[in-house]
PDB file of N, CA and C in Angstrom:
ATOM      1  N   UNK A   1      -1.105  10.892 -10.226  1.00  0.00           N
ATOM      2  CA  UNK A   1      -0.008   9.959 -10.249  1.00  0.00           C
ATOM      3  C   UNK A   1      -0.147   9.104 -11.503  1.00  0.00           C
ATOM      4  N   UNK A   2       0.918   8.932 -12.222  1.00  0.00           N
ATOM      5  CA  UNK A   2       0.884   8.079 -13.397  1.00  0.00           C
ATOM      6  C   UNK A   2       1.352   6.683 -13.022  1.00  0.00           C
ATOM      7  N   UNK A   3       0.909   5.702 -13.793  1.00  0.00           N
ATOM      8  CA  UNK A   3       1.251   4.320 -13.517  1.00  0.00           C
ATOM      9  C   UNK A   3       2.392   3.853 -14.408  1.00  0.00           C
ATOM     10  N   UNK A   4       3.187   2.910 -13.923  1.00  0.00           N
ATOM     11  CA  UNK A   4       4.191   2.302 -14.802  1.00  0.00           C
ATOM     12  C   UNK A   4       3.484   1.625 -15.980  1.00  0.00           C
ATOM     13  N   UNK A   5       4.177   1.505 -17.105  1.00  0.00           N
ATOM     14  CA  UNK A   5       3.568   0.947 -18.313  1.00  0.00           C
ATOM     15  C   UNK A   5       2.954  -0.431 -18.077  1.00  0.00           C
ATOM     16  N   UNK A   6       3.650  -1.301 -17.369  1.00  0.00           N
ATOM     17  CA  UNK A   6       3.132  -2.652 -17.134  1.00  0.00           C
ATOM     18  C   UNK A   6       1.844  -2.620 -16.312  1.00  0.00           C
ATOM     19  N   UNK A   7       1.783  -1.724 -15.342  1.00  0.00           N
ATOM     20  CA  UNK A   7       0.587  -1.606 -14.510  1.00  0.00           C
ATOM     21  C   UNK A   7      -0.572  -1.047 -15.322  1.00  0.00           C
ATOM     22  N   UNK A   8      -0.302  -0.026 -16.136  1.00  0.00           N
ATOM     23  CA  UNK A   8      -1.341   0.542 -16.997  1.00  0.00           C
ATOM     24  C   UNK A   8      -1.864  -0.510 -17.966  1.00  0.00           C
ATOM     25  N   UNK A   9      -0.974  -1.331 -18.506  1.00  0.00           N
ATOM     26  CA  UNK A   9      -1.392  -2.398 -19.425  1.00  0.00           C
ATOM     27  C   UNK A   9      -2.267  -3.418 -18.705  1.00  0.00           C
ATOM     28  N   UNK A  10      -1.916  -3.746 -17.466  1.00  0.00           N
ATOM     29  CA  UNK A  10      -2.708  -4.676 -16.673  1.00  0.00           C
ATOM     30  C   UNK A  10      -4.127  -4.138 -16.499  1.00  0.00           C
ATOM     31  N   UNK A  11      -4.256  -2.863 -16.097  1.00  0.00           N
ATOM     32  CA  UNK A  11      -5.581  -2.294 -15.888  1.00  0.00           C
ATOM     33  C   UNK A  11      -6.348  -2.139 -17.198  1.00  0.00           C
ATOM     34  N   UNK A  12      -5.654  -1.847 -18.271  1.00  0.00           N
ATOM     35  CA  UNK A  12      -6.317  -1.783 -19.580  1.00  0.00           C
ATOM     36  C   UNK A  12      -6.902  -3.149 -19.925  1.00  0.00           C
ATOM     37  N   UNK A  13      -6.160  -4.204 -19.640  1.00  0.00           N
ATOM     38  CA  UNK A  13      -6.649  -5.569 -19.900  1.00  0.00           C
ATOM     39  C   UNK A  13      -7.858  -5.872 -19.013  1.00  0.00           C
ATOM     40  N   UNK A  14      -7.827  -5.410 -17.767  1.00  0.00           N
ATOM     41  CA  UNK A  14      -8.932  -5.659 -16.843  1.00  0.00           C
ATOM     42  C   UNK A  14     -10.222  -4.974 -17.276  1.00  0.00           C
ATOM     43  N   UNK A  15     -10.108  -3.856 -17.979  1.00  0.00           N
ATOM     44  CA  UNK A  15     -11.298  -3.107 -18.396  1.00  0.00           C
ATOM     45  C   UNK A  15     -11.850  -3.582 -19.737  1.00  0.00           C
ATOM     46  N   UNK A  16     -11.093  -4.395 -20.431  1.00  0.00           N
ATOM     47  CA  UNK A  16     -11.502  -4.852 -21.760  1.00  0.00           C
ATOM     48  C   UNK A  16     -12.840  -5.599 -21.686  1.00  0.00           C
ATOM     49  N   UNK A  17     -13.764  -5.167 -22.528  1.00  0.00           N
ATOM     50  CA  UNK A  17     -15.088  -5.794 -22.652  1.00  0.00           C
ATOM     51  C   UNK A  17     -15.946  -5.691 -21.390  1.00  0.00           C
ATOM     52  N   UNK A  18     -15.648  -4.770 -20.487  1.00  0.00           N
ATOM     53  CA  UNK A  18     -16.468  -4.598 -19.284  1.00  0.00           C
ATOM     54  C   UNK A  18     -17.378  -3.397 -19.456  1.00  0.00           C
ATOM     55  N   UNK A  19     -18.542  -3.484 -18.864  1.00  0.00           N
ATOM     56  CA  UNK A  19     -19.458  -2.351 -18.843  1.00  0.00           C
ATOM     57  C   UNK A  19     -18.912  -1.290 -17.894  1.00  0.00           C
ATOM     58  N   UNK A  20     -19.261  -0.023 -18.099  1.00  0.00           N
ATOM     59  CA  UNK A  20     -18.721   1.054 -17.243  1.00  0.00           C
ATOM     60  C   UNK A  20     -18.974   0.854 -15.752  1.00  0.00           C
ATOM     61  N   UNK A  21     -20.090   0.243 -15.382  1.00  0.00           N
ATOM     62  CA  UNK A  21     -20.399   0.056 -13.964  1.00  0.00           C
ATOM     63  C   UNK A  21     -19.850  -1.220 -13.362  1.00  0.00           C
ATOM     64  N   UNK A  22     -19.181  -2.033 -14.161  1.00  0.00           N
ATOM     65  CA  UNK A  22     -18.645  -3.307 -13.665  1.00  0.00           C
ATOM     66  C   UNK A  22     -17.422  -3.063 -12.790  1.00  0.00           C
ATOM     67  N   UNK A  23     -17.193  -3.941 -11.805  1.00  0.00           N
ATOM     68  CA  UNK A  23     -15.996  -3.785 -10.963  1.00  0.00           C
ATOM     69  C   UNK A  23     -14.727  -3.904 -11.806  1.00  0.00           C
ATOM     70  N   UNK A  24     -13.758  -3.056 -11.522  1.00  0.00           N
ATOM     71  CA  UNK A  24     -12.488  -3.107 -12.241  1.00  0.00           C
ATOM     72  C   UNK A  24     -11.782  -4.424 -11.956  1.00  0.00           C
ATOM     73  N   UNK A  25     -11.690  -4.762 -10.689  1.00  0.00           N
ATOM     74  CA  UNK A  25     -11.102  -6.029 -10.265  1.00  0.00           C
ATOM     75  C   UNK A  25     -12.205  -6.816  -9.570  1.00  0.00           C
ATOM     76  N   UNK A  26     -12.489  -8.002 -10.058  1.00  0.00           N
ATOM     77  CA  UNK A  26     -13.568  -8.785  -9.472  1.00  0.00           C
ATOM     78  C   UNK A  26     -13.069 -10.140  -9.013  1.00  0.00           C
ATOM     79  N   UNK A  27     -13.890 -10.750  -8.172  1.00  0.00           N
ATOM     80  CA  UNK A  27     -13.591 -12.098  -7.696  1.00  0.00           C
ATOM     81  C   UNK A  27     -13.868 -13.085  -8.822  1.00  0.00           C
ATOM     82  N   UNK A  28     -13.529 -14.332  -8.602  1.00  0.00           N
ATOM     83  CA  UNK A  28     -13.714 -15.368  -9.623  1.00  0.00           C
ATOM     84  C   UNK A  28     -15.177 -15.491 -10.055  1.00  0.00           C
ATOM     85  N   UNK A  29     -16.100 -15.182  -9.128  1.00  0.00           N
ATOM     86  CA  UNK A  29     -17.518 -15.270  -9.469  1.00  0.00           C
ATOM     87  C   UNK A  29     -18.055 -14.000 -10.126  1.00  0.00           C
ATOM     88  N   UNK A  30     -17.159 -13.027 -10.383  1.00  0.00           N
ATOM     89  CA  UNK A  30     -17.549 -11.786 -11.045  1.00  0.00           C
ATOM     90  C   UNK A  30     -18.034 -10.691 -10.116  1.00  0.00           C
ATOM     91  N   UNK A  31     -18.192 -11.006  -8.838  1.00  0.00           N
ATOM     92  CA  UNK A  31     -18.655 -10.018  -7.866  1.00  0.00           C
ATOM     93  C   UNK A  31     -17.507  -9.098  -7.464  1.00  0.00           C
ATOM     94  N   UNK A  32     -17.892  -7.907  -7.017  1.00  0.00           N
ATOM     95  CA  UNK A  32     -16.889  -6.933  -6.560  1.00  0.00           C
ATOM     96  C   UNK A  32     -16.283  -7.386  -5.239  1.00  0.00           C
ATOM     97  N   UNK A  33     -15.037  -6.949  -5.015  1.00  0.00           N
ATOM     98  CA  UNK A  33     -14.391  -7.201  -3.732  1.00  0.00           C
ATOM     99  C   UNK A  33     -14.993  -6.273  -2.695  1.00  0.00           C
ATOM    100  N   UNK A  34     -15.193  -6.779  -1.490  1.00  0.00           N
ATOM    101  CA  UNK A  34     -15.617  -5.959  -0.360  1.00  0.00           C
ATOM    102  C   UNK A  34     -14.802  -6.405   0.849  1.00  0.00           C
ATOM    103  N   UNK A  35     -15.024  -5.757   1.984  1.00  0.00           N
ATOM    104  CA  UNK A  35     -14.186  -6.054   3.152  1.00  0.00           C
ATOM    105  C   UNK A  35     -14.284  -7.515   3.576  1.00  0.00           C
ATOM    106  N   UNK A  36     -15.452  -8.108   3.453  1.00  0.00           N
ATOM    107  CA  UNK A  36     -15.611  -9.497   3.859  1.00  0.00           C
ATOM    108  C   UNK A  36     -14.948 -10.460   2.874  1.00  0.00           C
ATOM    109  N   UNK A  37     -14.916 -10.086   1.597  1.00  0.00           N
ATOM    110  CA  UNK A  37     -14.277 -10.943   0.595  1.00  0.00           C
ATOM    111  C   UNK A  37     -12.758 -10.979   0.777  1.00  0.00           C
ATOM    112  N   UNK A  38     -12.182  -9.933   1.361  1.00  0.00           N
ATOM    113  CA  UNK A  38     -10.727  -9.875   1.579  1.00  0.00           C
ATOM    114  C   UNK A  38     -10.303 -10.624   2.835  1.00  0.00           C
ATOM    115  N   UNK A  39     -11.199 -10.660   3.833  1.00  0.00           N
ATOM    116  CA  UNK A  39     -10.825 -11.125   5.163  1.00  0.00           C
ATOM    117  C   UNK A  39     -10.181 -12.518   5.154  1.00  0.00           C
ATOM    118  N   UNK A  40     -10.845 -13.488   4.584  1.00  0.00           N
ATOM    119  CA  UNK A  40     -10.340 -14.858   4.656  1.00  0.00           C
ATOM    120  C   UNK A  40      -9.144 -15.116   3.735  1.00  0.00           C
ATOM    121  N   UNK A  41      -9.110 -14.570   2.521  1.00  0.00           N
ATOM    122  CA  UNK A  41      -7.891 -14.751   1.718  1.00  0.00           C
ATOM    123  C   UNK A  41      -6.644 -14.140   2.389  1.00  0.00           C
ATOM    124  N   UNK A  42      -6.807 -12.991   3.052  1.00  0.00           N
ATOM    125  CA  UNK A  42      -5.671 -12.383   3.758  1.00  0.00           C
ATOM    126  C   UNK A  42      -5.256 -13.273   4.925  1.00  0.00           C
ATOM    127  N   UNK A  43      -6.229 -13.797   5.672  1.00  0.00           N
ATOM    128  CA  UNK A  43      -5.922 -14.698   6.788  1.00  0.00           C
ATOM    129  C   UNK A  43      -5.210 -15.957   6.286  1.00  0.00           C
ATOM    130  N   UNK A  44      -5.685 -16.516   5.171  1.00  0.00           N
ATOM    131  CA  UNK A  44      -5.054 -17.712   4.602  1.00  0.00           C
ATOM    132  C   UNK A  44      -3.620 -17.416   4.165  1.00  0.00           C
ATOM    133  N   UNK A  45      -3.419 -16.278   3.518  1.00  0.00           N
ATOM    134  CA  UNK A  45      -2.072 -15.902   3.066  1.00  0.00           C
ATOM    135  C   UNK A  45      -1.148 -15.687   4.259  1.00  0.00           C
ATOM    136  N   UNK A  46      -1.657 -15.043   5.306  1.00  0.00           N
ATOM    137  CA  UNK A  46      -0.844 -14.808   6.504  1.00  0.00           C
ATOM    138  C   UNK A  46      -0.455 -16.132   7.161  1.00  0.00           C
ATOM    139  N   UNK A  47      -1.391 -17.053   7.219  1.00  0.00           N
ATOM    140  CA  UNK A  47      -1.102 -18.372   7.799  1.00  0.00           C
ATOM    141  C   UNK A  47      -0.044 -19.103   6.953  1.00  0.00           C
ATOM    142  N   UNK A  48      -0.199 -19.037   5.624  1.00  0.00           N
ATOM    143  CA  UNK A  48       0.761 -19.677   4.727  1.00  0.00           C
ATOM    144  C   UNK A  48       2.152 -19.074   4.901  1.00  0.00           C
ATOM    145  N   UNK A  49       2.208 -17.761   5.130  1.00  0.00           N
ATOM    146  CA  UNK A  49       3.490 -17.073   5.329  1.00  0.00           C
ATOM    147  C   UNK A  49       3.994 -17.206   6.763  1.00  0.00           C
ATOM    148  N   UNK A  50       3.258 -17.961   7.578  1.00  0.00           N
ATOM    149  CA  UNK A  50       3.599 -18.178   8.983  1.00  0.00           C
ATOM    150  C   UNK A  50       3.678 -16.873   9.766  1.00  0.00           C
ATOM    151  N   UNK A  51       2.754 -15.967   9.467  1.00  0.00           N
ATOM    152  CA  UNK A  51       2.632 -14.717  10.211  1.00  0.00           C
ATOM    153  C   UNK A  51       1.679 -14.938  11.377  1.00  0.00           C
ATOM    154  N   UNK A  52       1.685 -14.068  12.365  1.00  0.00           N
ATOM    155  CA  UNK A  52       0.783 -14.226  13.511  1.00  0.00           C
ATOM    156  C   UNK A  52      -0.684 -14.222  13.090  1.00  0.00           C
ATOM    157  N   UNK A  53      -1.518 -14.902  13.880  1.00  0.00           N
ATOM    158  CA  UNK A  53      -2.954 -14.971  13.592  1.00  0.00           C
ATOM    159  C   UNK A  53      -3.627 -13.604  13.635  1.00  0.00           C
ATOM    160  N   UNK A  54      -3.001 -12.651  14.279  1.00  0.00           N
ATOM    161  CA  UNK A  54      -3.587 -11.317  14.418  1.00  0.00           C
ATOM    162  C   UNK A  54      -3.405 -10.443  13.177  1.00  0.00           C
ATOM    163  N   UNK A  55      -2.659 -10.940  12.180  1.00  0.00           N
ATOM    164  CA  UNK A  55      -2.394 -10.146  10.977  1.00  0.00           C
ATOM    165  C   UNK A  55      -3.694  -9.887  10.221  1.00  0.00           C
ATOM    166  N   UNK A  56      -3.860  -8.637   9.807  1.00  0.00           N
ATOM    167  CA  UNK A  56      -5.005  -8.219   8.991  1.00  0.00           C
ATOM    168  C   UNK A  56      -4.476  -7.455   7.786  1.00  0.00           C
ATOM    169  N   UNK A  57      -5.346  -7.179   6.836  1.00  0.00           N
ATOM    170  CA  UNK A  57      -4.937  -6.376   5.683  1.00  0.00           C
ATOM    171  C   UNK A  57      -4.438  -5.010   6.159  1.00  0.00           C
ATOM    172  N   UNK A  58      -5.100  -4.455   7.173  1.00  0.00           N
ATOM    173  CA  UNK A  58      -4.696  -3.147   7.690  1.00  0.00           C
ATOM    174  C   UNK A  58      -3.312  -3.206   8.327  1.00  0.00           C
ATOM    175  N   UNK A  59      -3.017  -4.282   9.073  1.00  0.00           N
ATOM    176  CA  UNK A  59      -1.694  -4.365   9.701  1.00  0.00           C
ATOM    177  C   UNK A  59      -0.605  -4.562   8.645  1.00  0.00           C
ATOM    178  N   UNK A  60      -0.927  -5.265   7.561  1.00  0.00           N
ATOM    179  CA  UNK A  60       0.036  -5.401   6.466  1.00  0.00           C
ATOM    180  C   UNK A  60       0.282  -4.048   5.807  1.00  0.00           C
ATOM    181  N   UNK A  61      -0.790  -3.260   5.635  1.00  0.00           N
ATOM    182  CA  UNK A  61      -0.656  -1.903   5.069  1.00  0.00           C
ATOM    183  C   UNK A  61       0.264  -1.065   5.952  1.00  0.00           C
ATOM    184  N   UNK A  62       0.029  -1.128   7.252  1.00  0.00           N
ATOM    185  CA  UNK A  62       0.850  -0.373   8.205  1.00  0.00           C
ATOM    186  C   UNK A  62       2.315  -0.800   8.096  1.00  0.00           C
ATOM    187  N   UNK A  63       2.566  -2.092   7.989  1.00  0.00           N
ATOM    188  CA  UNK A  63       3.929  -2.596   7.870  1.00  0.00           C
ATOM    189  C   UNK A  63       4.606  -2.107   6.598  1.00  0.00           C
ATOM    190  N   UNK A  64       3.863  -2.101   5.502  1.00  0.00           N
ATOM    191  CA  UNK A  64       4.437  -1.636   4.233  1.00  0.00           C
ATOM    192  C   UNK A  64       4.768  -0.148   4.322  1.00  0.00           C
ATOM    193  N   UNK A  65       3.851   0.649   4.859  1.00  0.00           N
ATOM    194  CA  UNK A  65       4.114   2.088   5.006  1.00  0.00           C
ATOM    195  C   UNK A  65       5.352   2.304   5.881  1.00  0.00           C
ATOM    196  N   UNK A  66       5.441   1.569   6.980  1.00  0.00           N
ATOM    197  CA  UNK A  66       6.607   1.676   7.865  1.00  0.00           C
ATOM    198  C   UNK A  66       7.888   1.332   7.115  1.00  0.00           C
ATOM    199  N   UNK A  67       7.858   0.242   6.354  1.00  0.00           N
ATOM    200  CA  UNK A  67       9.044  -0.156   5.582  1.00  0.00           C
ATOM    201  C   UNK A  67       9.425   0.891   4.544  1.00  0.00           C
ATOM    202  N   UNK A  68       8.433   1.486   3.882  1.00  0.00           N
ATOM    203  CA  UNK A  68       8.718   2.521   2.877  1.00  0.00           C
ATOM    204  C   UNK A  68       9.366   3.744   3.522  1.00  0.00           C
ATOM    205  N   UNK A  69       8.854   4.134   4.691  1.00  0.00           N
ATOM    206  CA  UNK A  69       9.430   5.281   5.412  1.00  0.00           C
ATOM    207  C   UNK A  69      10.867   4.952   5.840  1.00  0.00           C
ATOM    208  N   UNK A  70      11.067   3.759   6.408  1.00  0.00           N
ATOM    209  CA  UNK A  70      12.418   3.354   6.841  1.00  0.00           C
ATOM    210  C   UNK A  70      13.385   3.272   5.669  1.00  0.00           C
ATOM    211  N   UNK A  71      12.871   2.939   4.497  1.00  0.00           N
ATOM    212  CA  UNK A  71      13.732   2.833   3.310  1.00  0.00           C
ATOM    213  C   UNK A  71      14.101   4.207   2.756  1.00  0.00           C
ATOM    214  N   UNK A  72      13.515   5.268   3.322  1.00  0.00           N
ATOM    215  CA  UNK A  72      13.862   6.616   2.909  1.00  0.00           C
ATOM    216  C   UNK A  72      12.980   7.191   1.816  1.00  0.00           C
ATOM    217  N   UNK A  73      11.882   6.524   1.485  1.00  0.00           N
ATOM    218  CA  UNK A  73      10.969   7.067   0.476  1.00  0.00           C
ATOM    219  C   UNK A  73      10.314   8.323   1.038  1.00  0.00           C
ATOM    220  N   UNK A  74      10.195   9.350   0.224  1.00  0.00           N
ATOM    221  CA  UNK A  74       9.629  10.606   0.707  1.00  0.00           C
ATOM    222  C   UNK A  74       8.150  10.437   1.048  1.00  0.00           C
ATOM    223  N   UNK A  75       7.667  11.272   1.966  1.00  0.00           N
ATOM    224  CA  UNK A  75       6.303  11.122   2.465  1.00  0.00           C
ATOM    225  C   UNK A  75       5.239  11.373   1.392  1.00  0.00           C
ATOM    226  N   UNK A  76       5.517  12.238   0.432  1.00  0.00           N
ATOM    227  CA  UNK A  76       4.542  12.466  -0.640  1.00  0.00           C
ATOM    228  C   UNK A  76       4.326  11.180  -1.436  1.00  0.00           C
ATOM    229  N   UNK A  77       5.398  10.507  -1.794  1.00  0.00           N
ATOM    230  CA  UNK A  77       5.282   9.264  -2.561  1.00  0.00           C
ATOM    231  C   UNK A  77       4.605   8.181  -1.730  1.00  0.00           C
ATOM    232  N   UNK A  78       4.970   8.069  -0.459  1.00  0.00           N
ATOM    233  CA  UNK A  78       4.325   7.088   0.418  1.00  0.00           C
ATOM    234  C   UNK A  78       2.833   7.374   0.510  1.00  0.00           C
ATOM    235  N   UNK A  79       2.466   8.635   0.658  1.00  0.00           N
ATOM    236  CA  UNK A  79       1.049   9.008   0.732  1.00  0.00           C
ATOM    237  C   UNK A  79       0.324   8.645  -0.557  1.00  0.00           C
ATOM    238  N   UNK A  80       0.929   8.929  -1.691  1.00  0.00           N
ATOM    239  CA  UNK A  80       0.306   8.604  -2.974  1.00  0.00           C
ATOM    240  C   UNK A  80       0.123   7.100  -3.128  1.00  0.00           C
ATOM    241  N   UNK A  81       1.148   6.343  -2.790  1.00  0.00           N
ATOM    242  CA  UNK A  81       1.058   4.885  -2.907  1.00  0.00           C
ATOM    243  C   UNK A  81       0.033   4.298  -1.935  1.00  0.00           C
ATOM    244  N   UNK A  82      -0.142   4.966  -0.798  1.00  0.00           N
ATOM    245  CA  UNK A  82      -1.053   4.480   0.233  1.00  0.00           C
ATOM    246  C   UNK A  82      -2.481   4.974   0.047  1.00  0.00           C
ATOM    247  N   UNK A  83      -2.662   5.925  -0.847  1.00  0.00           N
ATOM    248  CA  UNK A  83      -3.996   6.476  -1.057  1.00  0.00           C
ATOM    249  C   UNK A  83      -4.459   7.335   0.105  1.00  0.00           C
ATOM    250  N   UNK A  84      -3.528   8.065   0.690  1.00  0.00           N
ATOM    251  CA  UNK A  84      -3.863   8.921   1.818  1.00  0.00           C
ATOM    252  C   UNK A  84      -3.111  10.239   1.684  1.00  0.00           C
ATOM    253  N   UNK A  85      -3.210  11.073   2.689  1.00  0.00           N
ATOM    254  CA  UNK A  85      -2.576  12.387   2.617  1.00  0.00           C
ATOM    255  C   UNK A  85      -1.191  12.389   3.253  1.00  0.00           C
ATOM    256  N   UNK A  86      -0.386  13.361   2.851  1.00  0.00           N
ATOM    257  CA  UNK A  86       0.921  13.560   3.472  1.00  0.00           C
ATOM    258  C   UNK A  86       0.728  13.865   4.958  1.00  0.00           C
ATOM    259  N   UNK A  87      -0.300  14.626   5.278  1.00  0.00           N
ATOM    260  CA  UNK A  87      -0.578  14.970   6.672  1.00  0.00           C
ATOM    261  C   UNK A  87      -0.785  13.710   7.511  1.00  0.00           C
ATOM    262  N   UNK A  88      -1.547  12.733   6.999  1.00  0.00           N
ATOM    263  CA  UNK A  88      -1.773  11.493   7.737  1.00  0.00           C
ATOM    264  C   UNK A  88      -0.463  10.726   7.906  1.00  0.00           C
ATOM    265  N   UNK A  89       0.325  10.659   6.836  1.00  0.00           N
ATOM    266  CA  UNK A  89       1.606   9.948   6.922  1.00  0.00           C
ATOM    267  C   UNK A  89       2.494  10.621   7.965  1.00  0.00           C
ATOM    268  N   UNK A  90       2.589  11.940   7.914  1.00  0.00           N
ATOM    269  CA  UNK A  90       3.434  12.658   8.873  1.00  0.00           C
ATOM    270  C   UNK A  90       2.912  12.505  10.300  1.00  0.00           C
ATOM    271  N   UNK A  91       1.591  12.524  10.460  1.00  0.00           N
ATOM    272  CA  UNK A  91       0.997  12.415  11.798  1.00  0.00           C
ATOM    273  C   UNK A  91       1.268  11.051  12.423  1.00  0.00           C
ATOM    274  N   UNK A  92       1.100   9.984  11.634  1.00  0.00           N
ATOM    275  CA  UNK A  92       1.195   8.639  12.181  1.00  0.00           C
ATOM    276  C   UNK A  92       2.567   7.977  12.026  1.00  0.00           C
ATOM    277  N   UNK A  93       3.373   8.486  11.099  1.00  0.00           N
ATOM    278  CA  UNK A  93       4.658   7.846  10.834  1.00  0.00           C
ATOM    279  C   UNK A  93       5.830   8.827  10.925  1.00  0.00           C
ATOM    280  N   UNK A  94       5.557  10.081  11.234  1.00  0.00           N
ATOM    281  CA  UNK A  94       6.596  11.110  11.287  1.00  0.00           C
ATOM    282  C   UNK A  94       7.707  10.784  12.257  1.00  0.00           C
ATOM    283  N   UNK A  95       7.365  10.104  13.343  1.00  0.00           N
ATOM    284  CA  UNK A  95       8.399   9.750  14.329  1.00  0.00           C
ATOM    285  C   UNK A  95       9.468   8.839  13.733  1.00  0.00           C
ATOM    286  N   UNK A  96       9.118   8.152  12.648  1.00  0.00           N
ATOM    287  CA  UNK A  96      10.082   7.249  12.013  1.00  0.00           C
ATOM    288  C   UNK A  96      11.118   8.004  11.192  1.00  0.00           C
ATOM    289  N   UNK A  97      10.832   9.271  10.863  1.00  0.00           N
ATOM    290  CA  UNK A  97      11.742  10.035  10.017  1.00  0.00           C
ATOM    291  C   UNK A  97      12.755  10.854  10.811  1.00  0.00           C
ATOM    292  N   UNK A  98      12.601  10.920  12.125  1.00  0.00           N
ATOM    293  CA  UNK A  98      13.518  11.735  12.931  1.00  0.00           C
ATOM    294  C   UNK A  98      14.961  11.271  12.788  1.00  0.00           C
ATOM    295  N   UNK A  99      15.175   9.963  12.807  1.00  0.00           N
ATOM    296  CA  UNK A  99      16.538   9.447  12.653  1.00  0.00           C
ATOM    297  C   UNK A  99      17.091   9.773  11.272  1.00  0.00           C
ATOM    298  N   UNK A 100      16.232   9.720  10.260  1.00  0.00           N
ATOM    299  CA  UNK A 100      16.674  10.058   8.900  1.00  0.00           C
ATOM    300  C   UNK A 100      17.130  11.513   8.844  1.00  0.00           C
ATOM    301  N   UNK A 101      16.375  12.390   9.491  1.00  0.00           N
ATOM    302  CA  UNK A 101      16.736  13.809   9.493  1.00  0.00           C
ATOM    303  C   UNK A 101      18.063  14.025  10.225  1.00  0.00           C
ATOM    304  N   UNK A 102      18.230  13.349  11.360  1.00  0.00           N
ATOM    305  CA  UNK A 102      19.464  13.484  12.125  1.00  0.00           C
ATOM    306  C   UNK A 102      20.661  12.969  11.325  1.00  0.00           C
ATOM    307  N   UNK A 103      20.474  11.833  10.636  1.00  0.00           N
ATOM    308  CA  UNK A 103      21.547  11.265   9.815  1.00  0.00           C
ATOM    309  C   UNK A 103      21.878  12.182   8.632  1.00  0.00           C
ATOM    310  N   UNK A 104      20.857  12.804   8.039  1.00  0.00           N
ATOM    311  CA  UNK A 104      21.094  13.719   6.926  1.00  0.00           C
ATOM    312  C   UNK A 104      21.880  14.927   7.392  1.00  0.00           C
ATOM    313  N   UNK A 105      21.527  15.466   8.551  1.00  0.00           N
ATOM    314  CA  UNK A 105      22.250  16.600   9.104  1.00  0.00           C
ATOM    315  C   UNK A 105      23.702  16.225   9.415  1.00  0.00           C
ATOM    316  N   UNK A 106      23.906  15.011   9.909  1.00  0.00           N
ATOM    317  CA  UNK A 106      25.270  14.569  10.226  1.00  0.00           C
ATOM    318  C   UNK A 106      26.147  14.463   8.979  1.00  0.00           C
ATOM    319  N   UNK A 107      25.532  14.200   7.823  1.00  0.00           N
ATOM    320  CA  UNK A 107      26.301  14.070   6.593  1.00  0.00           C
ATOM    321  C   UNK A 107      26.659  15.426   5.971  1.00  0.00           C
ATOM    322  N   UNK A 108      25.992  16.484   6.442  1.00  0.00           N
ATOM    323  CA  UNK A 108      26.283  17.801   5.887  1.00  0.00           C
ATOM    324  C   UNK A 108      27.665  18.273   6.327  1.00  0.00           C
ATOM    325  N   UNK A 109      28.342  18.909   5.430  1.00  0.00           N
ATOM    326  CA  UNK A 109      29.638  19.495   5.768  1.00  0.00           C
ATOM    327  C   UNK A 109      29.383  20.960   6.089  1.00  0.00           C
ATOM    328  N   UNK A 110      29.656  21.324   7.314  1.00  0.00           N
ATOM    329  CA  UNK A 110      29.409  22.712   7.744  1.00  0.00           C
ATOM    330  C   UNK A 110      30.689  23.510   7.737  1.00  0.00           C
TER     331      UNK A 110
END
């Protein structure tokens, strides 16, 4: 998958003057992000956005994938953006595409 020019430029800037083993994206203290480093910033952002206390990074990921499928984005692109396989997208989100298929068939002129 290729990146948009602005995104590629962002990552090029992030790699500038870094050693090969350094984290691409690091925290303010220079340490790599890990699951524990994400937990509280995601909780703080969810609280600021007035989302339920149960919101996690994973539930936000699920919501985005659901929205992409509902918006009609093809499963290959959703899988690529999500960093997973088409098979996983179809297995867990395929039920969301049934209405799209029915609507597409209804638009066909037979």
